[in-house]
Amino acid sequence: MTMNNQILGVIFDLDGVIVSTDNCHYLAWKRMADEEGIEFDRTVNERLRGVSRMESLAIILERATKAYTEDEKQEMAARKNAYYVELIGSLTADDILPGAMNVLTLLKEKGVKVAIGSSSRNTPIILKQIGLSDAFDAVADGNAIKNSKPDPEVFLLAAKLLNLSPANCLVVEDADAGIEAALAGGMRCLGVGSASQNPSATFTAADLAKADMQSILG
């Protein structure tokens, strides 16, 4: 690997990569949907992976039997988020996914910069809950972007905050939308979880515990 394309920074998606809040999202959306009499299950929930809150709501409302005003949609999204914040309040360091801490330690030892690139506006809360508020050199999240994945905005912002070229960054993602966003931003990507089946991913591993970061870094 030449200096021009050496990996100098790694940008991690948060949910499903560093910590799993998938079930918190599911339970929060399920509670809101049940209150509205909208059919919602795990199959529909899979379509929400890596998607923004309002886009997720639009998918859920495909099964609604009535039309909702924009104000009502905003209220529903806010209600779901309140339920979600309540659920993530119970997260601890024990919820950090396998391999995440070892990979972060390895990257720090090698002088590789690390960042979070997440569409979630609750990123600061989650990082605080699991004790990783100060573990990253930069955090780009839903509070600082206009476009969610598969738009590359959040990853490009993370690279900018790291003061690195996209070509020198590796994105770690568990959602297909995130893989698409990384590639659109000119970055290489490591697909984990469900994204480990994505043929477009530059590298794949079942999870961070099984990722050969030494080889990936070159």
N, C-alpha and C. Protein backbone atom coordinates (compact mmCIF):
# COMPACT_ATOMS: atom_id res chain seq x y z
N MET A 1 0.85 -1.19 0.00
CA MET A 1 0.00 0.00 0.00
C MET A 1 0.89 1.25 0.00
N THR A 2 0.68 2.12 -0.97
CA THR A 2 1.51 3.31 -1.07
C THR A 2 1.05 4.37 -0.09
N MET A 3 1.89 5.37 0.11
CA MET A 3 1.54 6.46 1.03
C MET A 3 0.29 7.19 0.56
N ASN A 4 0.09 7.23 -0.77
CA ASN A 4 -1.05 7.96 -1.31
C ASN A 4 -2.39 7.35 -0.91
N ASN A 5 -2.42 6.02 -0.76
CA ASN A 5 -3.68 5.39 -0.39
C ASN A 5 -3.60 4.64 0.94
N GLN A 6 -2.61 4.96 1.75
CA GLN A 6 -2.48 4.34 3.07
C GLN A 6 -3.66 4.74 3.95
N ILE A 7 -4.15 3.81 4.74
CA ILE A 7 -5.26 4.11 5.66
C ILE A 7 -4.70 4.83 6.88
N LEU A 8 -5.06 6.10 6.99
CA LEU A 8 -4.59 6.93 8.10
C LEU A 8 -5.71 7.23 9.10
N GLY A 9 -6.94 6.93 8.70
CA GLY A 9 -8.07 7.17 9.59
C GLY A 9 -9.15 6.13 9.38
N VAL A 10 -9.80 5.74 10.46
CA VAL A 10 -10.90 4.78 10.39
C VAL A 10 -12.15 5.45 10.97
N ILE A 11 -13.22 5.44 10.17
CA ILE A 11 -14.48 6.05 10.57
C ILE A 11 -15.49 4.94 10.85
N PHE A 12 -15.98 4.90 12.06
CA PHE A 12 -16.91 3.84 12.48
C PHE A 12 -18.35 4.34 12.50
N ASP A 13 -19.23 3.58 11.89
CA ASP A 13 -20.64 3.76 12.19
C ASP A 13 -20.79 3.35 13.65
N LEU A 14 -21.80 3.85 14.32
CA LEU A 14 -21.95 3.57 15.75
C LEU A 14 -22.82 2.34 16.00
N ASP A 15 -24.07 2.42 15.60
CA ASP A 15 -25.02 1.35 15.90
C ASP A 15 -24.74 0.13 15.03
N GLY A 16 -24.50 -1.01 15.66
CA GLY A 16 -24.23 -2.24 14.94
C GLY A 16 -22.76 -2.47 14.69
N VAL A 17 -21.92 -1.48 15.01
CA VAL A 17 -20.48 -1.60 14.82
C VAL A 17 -19.76 -1.49 16.17
N ILE A 18 -20.00 -0.40 16.87
CA ILE A 18 -19.40 -0.18 18.20
C ILE A 18 -20.33 -0.70 19.29
N VAL A 19 -21.61 -0.46 19.13
CA VAL A 19 -22.61 -0.89 20.11
C VAL A 19 -23.88 -1.25 19.35
N SER A 20 -24.66 -2.14 19.89
CA SER A 20 -25.91 -2.49 19.24
C SER A 20 -27.10 -1.87 19.96
N THR A 21 -27.78 -0.97 19.28
CA THR A 21 -29.02 -0.40 19.82
C THR A 21 -30.19 -0.78 18.92
N ASP A 22 -29.96 -1.78 18.05
CA ASP A 22 -31.01 -2.21 17.11
C ASP A 22 -32.31 -2.52 17.82
N ASN A 23 -32.23 -3.27 18.92
CA ASN A 23 -33.45 -3.67 19.60
C ASN A 23 -34.14 -2.48 20.25
N CYS A 24 -33.34 -1.50 20.70
CA CYS A 24 -33.92 -0.28 21.27
C CYS A 24 -34.72 0.46 20.20
N HIS A 25 -34.13 0.56 18.99
CA HIS A 25 -34.84 1.20 17.88
C HIS A 25 -36.13 0.45 17.58
N TYR A 26 -36.01 -0.88 17.49
CA TYR A 26 -37.18 -1.69 17.15
C TYR A 26 -38.30 -1.50 18.19
N LEU A 27 -37.96 -1.61 19.46
CA LEU A 27 -38.97 -1.50 20.52
C LEU A 27 -39.62 -0.11 20.53
N ALA A 28 -38.81 0.93 20.26
CA ALA A 28 -39.35 2.29 20.25
C ALA A 28 -40.31 2.49 19.07
N TRP A 29 -39.89 2.05 17.88
CA TRP A 29 -40.78 2.16 16.71
C TRP A 29 -42.02 1.29 16.90
N LYS A 30 -41.85 0.10 17.46
CA LYS A 30 -42.97 -0.80 17.67
C LYS A 30 -44.00 -0.19 18.62
N ARG A 31 -43.53 0.44 19.68
CA ARG A 31 -44.45 1.07 20.64
C ARG A 31 -45.24 2.19 19.97
N MET A 32 -44.53 3.03 19.19
CA MET A 32 -45.20 4.13 18.50
C MET A 32 -46.19 3.60 17.47
N ALA A 33 -45.78 2.60 16.69
CA ALA A 33 -46.64 2.04 15.65
C ALA A 33 -47.89 1.40 16.27
N ASP A 34 -47.71 0.67 17.36
CA ASP A 34 -48.85 0.04 18.03
C ASP A 34 -49.84 1.09 18.51
N GLU A 35 -49.33 2.19 19.02
CA GLU A 35 -50.21 3.27 19.48
C GLU A 35 -51.04 3.84 18.34
N GLU A 36 -50.48 3.80 17.12
CA GLU A 36 -51.18 4.34 15.96
C GLU A 36 -51.97 3.27 15.20
N GLY A 37 -51.89 2.03 15.67
CA GLY A 37 -52.59 0.95 14.98
C GLY A 37 -51.97 0.58 13.65
N ILE A 38 -50.65 0.77 13.54
CA ILE A 38 -49.93 0.47 12.29
C ILE A 38 -49.16 -0.84 12.46
N GLU A 39 -49.33 -1.73 11.50
CA GLU A 39 -48.63 -3.02 11.55
C GLU A 39 -47.11 -2.79 11.41
N PHE A 40 -46.35 -3.32 12.35
CA PHE A 40 -44.90 -3.16 12.32
C PHE A 40 -44.25 -4.40 12.90
N ASP A 41 -43.27 -4.95 12.18
CA ASP A 41 -42.60 -6.15 12.65
C ASP A 41 -41.10 -6.09 12.33
N ARG A 42 -40.40 -7.16 12.64
CA ARG A 42 -38.94 -7.20 12.45
C ARG A 42 -38.56 -7.08 10.98
N THR A 43 -39.41 -7.58 10.09
CA THR A 43 -39.12 -7.50 8.66
C THR A 43 -39.10 -6.04 8.20
N VAL A 44 -40.11 -5.28 8.60
CA VAL A 44 -40.14 -3.86 8.26
C VAL A 44 -38.96 -3.15 8.92
N ASN A 45 -38.65 -3.54 10.15
CA ASN A 45 -37.56 -2.91 10.89
C ASN A 45 -36.22 -3.05 10.16
N GLU A 46 -36.02 -4.17 9.46
CA GLU A 46 -34.78 -4.37 8.71
C GLU A 46 -34.58 -3.29 7.65
N ARG A 47 -35.69 -2.79 7.11
CA ARG A 47 -35.61 -1.76 6.06
C ARG A 47 -35.16 -0.41 6.63
N LEU A 48 -35.15 -0.27 7.94
CA LEU A 48 -34.82 1.01 8.57
C LEU A 48 -33.34 1.13 8.89
N ARG A 49 -32.57 0.08 8.65
CA ARG A 49 -31.15 0.08 9.01
C ARG A 49 -30.40 1.16 8.23
N GLY A 50 -29.69 2.03 8.95
CA GLY A 50 -28.90 3.07 8.32
C GLY A 50 -29.70 4.21 7.73
N VAL A 51 -31.00 4.25 8.04
CA VAL A 51 -31.90 5.25 7.46
C VAL A 51 -32.26 6.29 8.52
N SER A 52 -32.45 7.53 8.11
CA SER A 52 -32.76 8.60 9.05
C SER A 52 -34.13 8.39 9.71
N ARG A 53 -34.39 9.13 10.77
CA ARG A 53 -35.62 8.97 11.53
C ARG A 53 -36.86 9.25 10.67
N MET A 54 -36.86 10.37 9.93
CA MET A 54 -38.04 10.72 9.14
C MET A 54 -38.21 9.77 7.95
N GLU A 55 -37.12 9.31 7.39
CA GLU A 55 -37.21 8.33 6.30
C GLU A 55 -37.72 6.99 6.83
N SER A 56 -37.31 6.65 8.04
CA SER A 56 -37.81 5.43 8.69
C SER A 56 -39.31 5.53 8.91
N LEU A 57 -39.75 6.68 9.38
CA LEU A 57 -41.18 6.89 9.61
C LEU A 57 -41.96 6.75 8.31
N ALA A 58 -41.41 7.27 7.22
CA ALA A 58 -42.09 7.17 5.92
C ALA A 58 -42.29 5.71 5.52
N ILE A 59 -41.29 4.88 5.80
CA ILE A 59 -41.39 3.45 5.50
C ILE A 59 -42.48 2.80 6.34
N ILE A 60 -42.52 3.15 7.63
CA ILE A 60 -43.53 2.60 8.53
C ILE A 60 -44.93 3.02 8.11
N LEU A 61 -45.06 4.26 7.65
CA LEU A 61 -46.38 4.79 7.28
C LEU A 61 -46.92 4.20 5.98
N GLU A 62 -46.09 3.42 5.28
CA GLU A 62 -46.58 2.72 4.09
C GLU A 62 -47.73 1.78 4.45
N ARG A 63 -47.74 1.34 5.71
CA ARG A 63 -48.78 0.40 6.16
C ARG A 63 -49.89 1.10 6.94
N ALA A 64 -49.84 2.41 7.01
CA ALA A 64 -50.86 3.15 7.75
C ALA A 64 -52.18 3.16 6.97
N THR A 65 -53.28 3.21 7.71
CA THR A 65 -54.60 3.21 7.07
C THR A 65 -55.18 4.62 6.98
N LYS A 66 -54.42 5.62 7.40
CA LYS A 66 -54.86 7.02 7.31
C LYS A 66 -53.69 7.89 6.91
N ALA A 67 -54.00 9.07 6.44
CA ALA A 67 -52.96 10.03 6.07
C ALA A 67 -52.62 10.89 7.28
N TYR A 68 -51.36 11.26 7.40
CA TYR A 68 -50.90 12.08 8.51
C TYR A 68 -50.39 13.41 7.99
N THR A 69 -50.64 14.47 8.75
CA THR A 69 -50.12 15.78 8.39
C THR A 69 -48.63 15.84 8.73
N GLU A 70 -47.95 16.84 8.22
CA GLU A 70 -46.53 16.99 8.51
C GLU A 70 -46.30 17.18 10.01
N ASP A 71 -47.18 17.96 10.65
CA ASP A 71 -47.05 18.17 12.10
C ASP A 71 -47.22 16.86 12.87
N GLU A 72 -48.17 16.04 12.42
CA GLU A 72 -48.39 14.75 13.08
C GLU A 72 -47.18 13.83 12.89
N LYS A 73 -46.58 13.88 11.71
CA LYS A 73 -45.39 13.06 11.45
C LYS A 73 -44.24 13.49 12.35
N GLN A 74 -44.07 14.80 12.51
CA GLN A 74 -43.00 15.30 13.38
C GLN A 74 -43.23 14.85 14.82
N GLU A 75 -44.51 14.88 15.25
CA GLU A 75 -44.84 14.46 16.61
C GLU A 75 -44.56 12.98 16.80
N MET A 76 -44.89 12.18 15.79
CA MET A 76 -44.66 10.74 15.88
C MET A 76 -43.17 10.42 15.95
N ALA A 77 -42.39 11.11 15.15
CA ALA A 77 -40.94 10.90 15.16
C ALA A 77 -40.35 11.30 16.51
N ALA A 78 -40.84 12.41 17.06
CA ALA A 78 -40.36 12.87 18.36
C ALA A 78 -40.76 11.90 19.47
N ARG A 79 -41.97 11.34 19.35
CA ARG A 79 -42.44 10.38 20.33
C ARG A 79 -41.58 9.11 20.31
N LYS A 80 -41.30 8.63 19.09
CA LYS A 80 -40.44 7.46 18.96
C LYS A 80 -39.08 7.74 19.57
N ASN A 81 -38.52 8.93 19.30
CA ASN A 81 -37.20 9.25 19.82
C ASN A 81 -37.20 9.30 21.34
N ALA A 82 -38.27 9.81 21.92
CA ALA A 82 -38.37 9.86 23.38
C ALA A 82 -38.36 8.44 23.96
N TYR A 83 -39.06 7.53 23.30
CA TYR A 83 -39.07 6.13 23.75
C TYR A 83 -37.67 5.53 23.61
N TYR A 84 -36.99 5.86 22.50
CA TYR A 84 -35.66 5.34 22.23
C TYR A 84 -34.65 5.84 23.26
N VAL A 85 -34.69 7.13 23.55
CA VAL A 85 -33.77 7.71 24.54
C VAL A 85 -33.98 7.07 25.90
N GLU A 86 -35.23 6.79 26.21
CA GLU A 86 -35.55 6.11 27.47
C GLU A 86 -34.89 4.73 27.52
N LEU A 87 -34.94 4.02 26.39
CA LEU A 87 -34.38 2.67 26.32
C LEU A 87 -32.85 2.67 26.37
N ILE A 88 -32.21 3.61 25.65
CA ILE A 88 -30.74 3.61 25.63
C ILE A 88 -30.15 4.12 26.94
N GLY A 89 -31.00 4.63 27.80
CA GLY A 89 -30.54 5.08 29.11
C GLY A 89 -30.00 3.94 29.96
N SER A 90 -30.31 2.71 29.54
CA SER A 90 -29.84 1.54 30.31
C SER A 90 -28.56 0.94 29.72
N LEU A 91 -28.03 1.54 28.63
CA LEU A 91 -26.80 1.03 28.03
C LEU A 91 -25.60 1.26 28.95
N THR A 92 -24.65 0.32 28.91
CA THR A 92 -23.41 0.46 29.68
C THR A 92 -22.25 -0.01 28.81
N ALA A 93 -21.05 0.04 29.35
CA ALA A 93 -19.87 -0.43 28.63
C ALA A 93 -19.98 -1.91 28.28
N ASP A 94 -20.81 -2.63 29.01
CA ASP A 94 -21.00 -4.06 28.73
C ASP A 94 -21.68 -4.28 27.38
N ASP A 95 -22.29 -3.23 26.83
CA ASP A 95 -23.00 -3.35 25.56
C ASP A 95 -22.11 -3.06 24.36
N ILE A 96 -20.85 -2.71 24.59
CA ILE A 96 -19.91 -2.51 23.49
C ILE A 96 -19.71 -3.86 22.79
N LEU A 97 -19.78 -3.85 21.47
CA LEU A 97 -19.75 -5.09 20.70
C LEU A 97 -18.37 -5.75 20.70
N PRO A 98 -18.32 -7.07 20.54
CA PRO A 98 -17.06 -7.82 20.56
C PRO A 98 -16.05 -7.28 19.55
N GLY A 99 -14.83 -7.12 20.01
CA GLY A 99 -13.74 -6.69 19.13
C GLY A 99 -13.56 -5.20 19.02
N ALA A 100 -14.58 -4.42 19.38
CA ALA A 100 -14.51 -2.97 19.19
C ALA A 100 -13.36 -2.34 19.98
N MET A 101 -13.23 -2.69 21.26
CA MET A 101 -12.20 -2.09 22.08
C MET A 101 -10.81 -2.51 21.63
N ASN A 102 -10.66 -3.77 21.23
CA ASN A 102 -9.36 -4.24 20.76
C ASN A 102 -8.94 -3.52 19.49
N VAL A 103 -9.89 -3.31 18.59
CA VAL A 103 -9.59 -2.61 17.34
C VAL A 103 -9.21 -1.15 17.62
N LEU A 104 -9.94 -0.49 18.50
CA LEU A 104 -9.63 0.89 18.85
C LEU A 104 -8.23 0.99 19.46
N THR A 105 -7.89 0.05 20.32
CA THR A 105 -6.56 0.03 20.94
C THR A 105 -5.48 -0.15 19.89
N LEU A 106 -5.70 -1.08 18.96
CA LEU A 106 -4.73 -1.34 17.89
C LEU A 106 -4.52 -0.09 17.04
N LEU A 107 -5.60 0.56 16.67
CA LEU A 107 -5.50 1.75 15.82
C LEU A 107 -4.75 2.88 16.53
N LYS A 108 -5.03 3.05 17.80
CA LYS A 108 -4.33 4.07 18.59
C LYS A 108 -2.83 3.78 18.64
N GLU A 109 -2.50 2.51 18.83
CA GLU A 109 -1.08 2.10 18.90
C GLU A 109 -0.36 2.37 17.59
N LYS A 110 -1.07 2.26 16.48
CA LYS A 110 -0.48 2.46 15.16
C LYS A 110 -0.55 3.92 14.70
N GLY A 111 -1.13 4.77 15.54
CA GLY A 111 -1.22 6.18 15.19
C GLY A 111 -2.28 6.49 14.15
N VAL A 112 -3.23 5.57 13.99
CA VAL A 112 -4.33 5.77 13.04
C VAL A 112 -5.44 6.55 13.74
N LYS A 113 -5.91 7.62 13.12
CA LYS A 113 -6.97 8.43 13.71
C LYS A 113 -8.30 7.68 13.63
N VAL A 114 -9.17 7.94 14.61
CA VAL A 114 -10.47 7.26 14.64
C VAL A 114 -11.59 8.27 14.81
N ALA A 115 -12.71 8.00 14.14
CA ALA A 115 -13.86 8.89 14.21
C ALA A 115 -15.15 8.08 14.19
N ILE A 116 -16.21 8.71 14.61
CA ILE A 116 -17.56 8.16 14.47
C ILE A 116 -18.24 8.87 13.31
N GLY A 117 -18.92 8.10 12.47
CA GLY A 117 -19.72 8.67 11.39
C GLY A 117 -21.09 8.05 11.45
N SER A 118 -22.01 8.70 12.16
CA SER A 118 -23.34 8.12 12.40
C SER A 118 -24.44 9.12 12.07
N SER A 119 -25.51 8.63 11.48
CA SER A 119 -26.65 9.49 11.17
C SER A 119 -27.49 9.80 12.40
N SER A 120 -27.22 9.11 13.49
CA SER A 120 -28.03 9.27 14.70
C SER A 120 -27.74 10.59 15.43
N ARG A 121 -28.79 11.27 15.80
CA ARG A 121 -28.65 12.50 16.59
C ARG A 121 -28.40 12.17 18.06
N ASN A 122 -28.58 10.92 18.41
CA ASN A 122 -28.37 10.50 19.80
C ASN A 122 -26.96 9.98 20.05
N THR A 123 -26.07 10.16 19.08
CA THR A 123 -24.70 9.67 19.20
C THR A 123 -24.01 10.12 20.50
N PRO A 124 -24.05 11.42 20.86
CA PRO A 124 -23.37 11.85 22.10
C PRO A 124 -23.90 11.13 23.34
N ILE A 125 -25.22 10.91 23.39
CA ILE A 125 -25.83 10.23 24.53
C ILE A 125 -25.33 8.80 24.62
N ILE A 126 -25.32 8.11 23.47
CA ILE A 126 -24.90 6.71 23.46
C ILE A 126 -23.43 6.57 23.84
N LEU A 127 -22.58 7.42 23.27
CA LEU A 127 -21.15 7.36 23.60
C LEU A 127 -20.92 7.60 25.10
N LYS A 128 -21.68 8.52 25.67
CA LYS A 128 -21.55 8.78 27.11
C LYS A 128 -21.99 7.57 27.92
N GLN A 129 -23.09 6.96 27.53
CA GLN A 129 -23.62 5.81 28.26
C GLN A 129 -22.64 4.65 28.29
N ILE A 130 -21.91 4.44 27.17
CA ILE A 130 -21.00 3.29 27.10
C ILE A 130 -19.56 3.66 27.46
N GLY A 131 -19.36 4.91 27.88
CA GLY A 131 -18.05 5.34 28.37
C GLY A 131 -17.02 5.62 27.30
N LEU A 132 -17.47 5.97 26.07
CA LEU A 132 -16.53 6.22 24.98
C LEU A 132 -16.59 7.66 24.46
N SER A 133 -17.04 8.57 25.27
CA SER A 133 -17.15 9.98 24.84
C SER A 133 -15.82 10.55 24.38
N ASP A 134 -14.71 10.11 25.00
CA ASP A 134 -13.39 10.66 24.67
C ASP A 134 -12.52 9.70 23.88
N ALA A 135 -13.13 8.65 23.34
CA ALA A 135 -12.35 7.61 22.67
C ALA A 135 -12.03 7.92 21.21
N PHE A 136 -12.72 8.93 20.64
CA PHE A 136 -12.56 9.21 19.22
C PHE A 136 -11.97 10.60 18.98
N ASP A 137 -11.20 10.70 17.90
CA ASP A 137 -10.58 11.98 17.55
C ASP A 137 -11.60 12.95 16.98
N ALA A 138 -12.69 12.43 16.46
CA ALA A 138 -13.74 13.27 15.88
C ALA A 138 -15.06 12.52 15.89
N VAL A 139 -16.14 13.26 15.97
CA VAL A 139 -17.48 12.67 15.90
C VAL A 139 -18.32 13.48 14.92
N ALA A 140 -18.79 12.81 13.88
CA ALA A 140 -19.72 13.41 12.92
C ALA A 140 -21.03 12.64 13.08
N ASP A 141 -22.12 13.35 13.36
CA ASP A 141 -23.38 12.65 13.58
C ASP A 141 -24.56 13.42 12.98
N GLY A 142 -25.75 12.92 13.25
CA GLY A 142 -26.95 13.49 12.68
C GLY A 142 -27.24 14.92 13.07
N ASN A 143 -26.55 15.40 14.11
CA ASN A 143 -26.75 16.79 14.52
C ASN A 143 -26.02 17.78 13.62
N ALA A 144 -25.10 17.26 12.79
CA ALA A 144 -24.25 18.15 11.98
C ALA A 144 -24.42 17.98 10.48
N ILE A 145 -25.36 17.12 10.08
CA ILE A 145 -25.53 16.86 8.65
C ILE A 145 -26.98 17.09 8.21
N LYS A 146 -27.17 17.26 6.92
CA LYS A 146 -28.51 17.43 6.35
C LYS A 146 -28.99 16.15 5.68
N ASN A 147 -28.04 15.39 5.14
CA ASN A 147 -28.40 14.20 4.36
C ASN A 147 -27.91 12.93 5.04
N SER A 148 -28.81 11.98 5.19
CA SER A 148 -28.42 10.71 5.82
C SER A 148 -27.91 9.74 4.76
N LYS A 149 -27.29 8.67 5.20
CA LYS A 149 -26.80 7.65 4.29
C LYS A 149 -27.96 7.10 3.44
N PRO A 150 -27.74 6.80 2.17
CA PRO A 150 -26.48 6.55 1.48
C PRO A 150 -25.74 7.79 0.96
N ASP A 151 -26.21 8.98 1.31
CA ASP A 151 -25.41 10.17 0.99
C ASP A 151 -24.12 10.11 1.81
N PRO A 152 -22.98 10.44 1.23
CA PRO A 152 -21.70 10.32 1.95
C PRO A 152 -21.39 11.48 2.90
N GLU A 153 -22.34 12.40 3.09
CA GLU A 153 -22.06 13.62 3.85
C GLU A 153 -21.43 13.37 5.21
N VAL A 154 -21.97 12.42 5.98
CA VAL A 154 -21.48 12.21 7.34
C VAL A 154 -20.04 11.69 7.34
N PHE A 155 -19.70 10.85 6.36
CA PHE A 155 -18.34 10.32 6.29
C PHE A 155 -17.36 11.37 5.78
N LEU A 156 -17.81 12.18 4.85
CA LEU A 156 -16.95 13.26 4.35
C LEU A 156 -16.68 14.28 5.44
N LEU A 157 -17.69 14.54 6.28
CA LEU A 157 -17.50 15.45 7.41
C LEU A 157 -16.51 14.85 8.40
N ALA A 158 -16.63 13.56 8.67
CA ALA A 158 -15.71 12.90 9.60
C ALA A 158 -14.27 12.99 9.09
N ALA A 159 -14.08 12.75 7.79
CA ALA A 159 -12.74 12.83 7.21
C ALA A 159 -12.19 14.25 7.33
N LYS A 160 -13.06 15.22 7.10
CA LYS A 160 -12.65 16.63 7.21
C LYS A 160 -12.23 16.95 8.64
N LEU A 161 -13.00 16.47 9.61
CA LEU A 161 -12.69 16.71 11.03
C LEU A 161 -11.38 16.04 11.42
N LEU A 162 -11.06 14.93 10.76
CA LEU A 162 -9.78 14.25 11.02
C LEU A 162 -8.64 14.89 10.23
N ASN A 163 -9.00 15.83 9.35
CA ASN A 163 -8.01 16.50 8.48
C ASN A 163 -7.33 15.49 7.56
N LEU A 164 -8.14 14.58 7.01
CA LEU A 164 -7.64 13.55 6.12
C LEU A 164 -8.40 13.54 4.80
N SER A 165 -7.73 13.09 3.76
CA SER A 165 -8.39 12.90 2.47
C SER A 165 -9.28 11.67 2.56
N PRO A 166 -10.44 11.67 1.90
CA PRO A 166 -11.29 10.47 1.89
C PRO A 166 -10.53 9.22 1.44
N ALA A 167 -9.58 9.39 0.52
CA ALA A 167 -8.81 8.26 0.00
C ALA A 167 -7.96 7.59 1.08
N ASN A 168 -7.72 8.30 2.17
CA ASN A 168 -6.91 7.75 3.26
C ASN A 168 -7.76 7.27 4.43
N CYS A 169 -9.09 7.14 4.17
CA CYS A 169 -9.99 6.72 5.24
C CYS A 169 -10.67 5.39 4.92
N LEU A 170 -10.87 4.62 5.98
CA LEU A 170 -11.62 3.37 5.91
C LEU A 170 -12.88 3.54 6.74
N VAL A 171 -14.01 3.18 6.19
CA VAL A 171 -15.28 3.22 6.91
C VAL A 171 -15.64 1.82 7.37
N VAL A 172 -16.11 1.69 8.60
CA VAL A 172 -16.59 0.40 9.10
C VAL A 172 -18.10 0.51 9.26
N GLU A 173 -18.85 -0.32 8.54
CA GLU A 173 -20.30 -0.21 8.47
C GLU A 173 -20.99 -1.57 8.57
N ASP A 174 -22.21 -1.55 9.10
CA ASP A 174 -23.00 -2.78 9.16
C ASP A 174 -24.25 -2.71 8.29
N ALA A 175 -24.45 -1.59 7.59
CA ALA A 175 -25.65 -1.42 6.76
C ALA A 175 -25.26 -1.16 5.31
N ASP A 176 -26.05 -1.68 4.39
CA ASP A 176 -25.78 -1.50 2.97
C ASP A 176 -25.77 -0.02 2.59
N ALA A 177 -26.65 0.77 3.22
CA ALA A 177 -26.68 2.21 2.93
C ALA A 177 -25.36 2.86 3.30
N GLY A 178 -24.72 2.37 4.36
CA GLY A 178 -23.44 2.91 4.79
C GLY A 178 -22.31 2.52 3.85
N ILE A 179 -22.36 1.30 3.33
CA ILE A 179 -21.37 0.85 2.35
C ILE A 179 -21.46 1.73 1.11
N GLU A 180 -22.69 1.96 0.65
CA GLU A 180 -22.91 2.80 -0.52
C GLU A 180 -22.40 4.22 -0.27
N ALA A 181 -22.63 4.73 0.93
CA ALA A 181 -22.19 6.09 1.27
C ALA A 181 -20.68 6.19 1.29
N ALA A 182 -20.01 5.19 1.87
CA ALA A 182 -18.55 5.20 1.94
C ALA A 182 -17.94 5.20 0.55
N LEU A 183 -18.43 4.34 -0.31
CA LEU A 183 -17.90 4.25 -1.67
C LEU A 183 -18.18 5.53 -2.46
N ALA A 184 -19.36 6.11 -2.24
CA ALA A 184 -19.71 7.36 -2.92
C ALA A 184 -18.79 8.49 -2.48
N GLY A 185 -18.29 8.39 -1.25
CA GLY A 185 -17.39 9.41 -0.72
C GLY A 185 -15.93 9.17 -1.06
N GLY A 186 -15.66 8.13 -1.83
CA GLY A 186 -14.28 7.84 -2.23
C GLY A 186 -13.46 7.15 -1.17
N MET A 187 -14.12 6.42 -0.28
CA MET A 187 -13.44 5.73 0.81
C MET A 187 -13.56 4.22 0.65
N ARG A 188 -12.61 3.50 1.24
CA ARG A 188 -12.75 2.06 1.31
C ARG A 188 -13.63 1.71 2.51
N CYS A 189 -14.16 0.51 2.50
CA CYS A 189 -15.08 0.17 3.59
C CYS A 189 -14.94 -1.29 4.01
N LEU A 190 -15.14 -1.49 5.30
CA LEU A 190 -15.17 -2.82 5.90
C LEU A 190 -16.61 -3.10 6.29
N GLY A 191 -17.21 -4.09 5.66
CA GLY A 191 -18.58 -4.44 5.98
C GLY A 191 -18.62 -5.49 7.06
N VAL A 192 -19.34 -5.20 8.15
CA VAL A 192 -19.51 -6.16 9.24
C VAL A 192 -21.01 -6.43 9.42
N GLY A 193 -21.34 -7.43 10.21
CA GLY A 193 -22.75 -7.74 10.42
C GLY A 193 -23.43 -8.07 9.10
N SER A 194 -24.62 -7.53 8.87
CA SER A 194 -25.34 -7.82 7.63
C SER A 194 -24.59 -7.30 6.41
N ALA A 195 -23.80 -6.24 6.57
CA ALA A 195 -23.05 -5.67 5.44
C ALA A 195 -21.86 -6.53 5.05
N SER A 196 -21.56 -7.57 5.84
CA SER A 196 -20.46 -8.47 5.48
C SER A 196 -20.83 -9.31 4.25
N GLN A 197 -22.12 -9.28 3.90
CA GLN A 197 -22.60 -10.00 2.71
C GLN A 197 -22.65 -9.10 1.49
N ASN A 198 -22.30 -7.83 1.67
CA ASN A 198 -22.39 -6.87 0.56
C ASN A 198 -21.18 -7.05 -0.37
N PRO A 199 -21.42 -7.42 -1.63
CA PRO A 199 -20.30 -7.65 -2.55
C PRO A 199 -19.53 -6.39 -2.91
N SER A 200 -20.08 -5.23 -2.62
CA SER A 200 -19.40 -3.97 -2.94
C SER A 200 -18.39 -3.56 -1.87
N ALA A 201 -18.48 -4.16 -0.69
CA ALA A 201 -17.57 -3.80 0.40
C ALA A 201 -16.13 -4.15 0.04
N THR A 202 -15.21 -3.28 0.39
CA THR A 202 -13.79 -3.52 0.09
C THR A 202 -13.25 -4.69 0.89
N PHE A 203 -13.64 -4.74 2.16
CA PHE A 203 -13.26 -5.83 3.06
C PHE A 203 -14.53 -6.28 3.80
N THR A 204 -14.53 -7.51 4.28
CA THR A 204 -15.68 -8.00 5.04
C THR A 204 -15.21 -8.83 6.23
N ALA A 205 -16.04 -8.83 7.28
CA ALA A 205 -15.81 -9.66 8.46
C ALA A 205 -17.14 -9.78 9.19
N ALA A 206 -17.34 -10.88 9.86
CA ALA A 206 -18.60 -11.08 10.59
C ALA A 206 -18.81 -9.98 11.62
N ASP A 207 -17.73 -9.60 12.31
CA ASP A 207 -17.77 -8.49 13.26
C ASP A 207 -16.34 -8.01 13.48
N LEU A 208 -16.17 -7.02 14.31
CA LEU A 208 -14.83 -6.46 14.53
C LEU A 208 -13.89 -7.46 15.19
N ALA A 209 -14.43 -8.39 15.95
CA ALA A 209 -13.59 -9.40 16.60
C ALA A 209 -12.93 -10.31 15.57
N LYS A 210 -13.57 -10.46 14.42
CA LYS A 210 -13.05 -11.36 13.38
C LYS A 210 -12.37 -10.59 12.25
N ALA A 211 -12.30 -9.27 12.35
CA ALA A 211 -11.67 -8.47 11.30
C ALA A 211 -10.15 -8.51 11.43
N ASP A 212 -9.46 -8.76 10.34
CA ASP A 212 -7.99 -8.78 10.35
C ASP A 212 -7.50 -7.37 10.06
N MET A 213 -7.54 -6.51 11.08
CA MET A 213 -7.19 -5.11 10.89
C MET A 213 -5.73 -4.93 10.50
N GLN A 214 -4.85 -5.81 10.96
CA GLN A 214 -3.45 -5.73 10.61
C GLN A 214 -3.27 -5.80 9.09
N SER A 215 -3.95 -6.76 8.48
CA SER A 215 -3.85 -6.93 7.03
C SER A 215 -4.53 -5.79 6.29
N ILE A 216 -5.67 -5.34 6.81
CA ILE A 216 -6.41 -4.26 6.16
C ILE A 216 -5.59 -2.98 6.14
N LEU A 217 -4.91 -2.71 7.25
CA LEU A 217 -4.12 -1.49 7.34
C LEU A 217 -2.86 -1.58 6.46
N GLY A 218 -2.40 -2.81 6.20
CA GLY A 218 -1.26 -3.01 5.32
C GLY A 218 0.07 -2.76 5.99
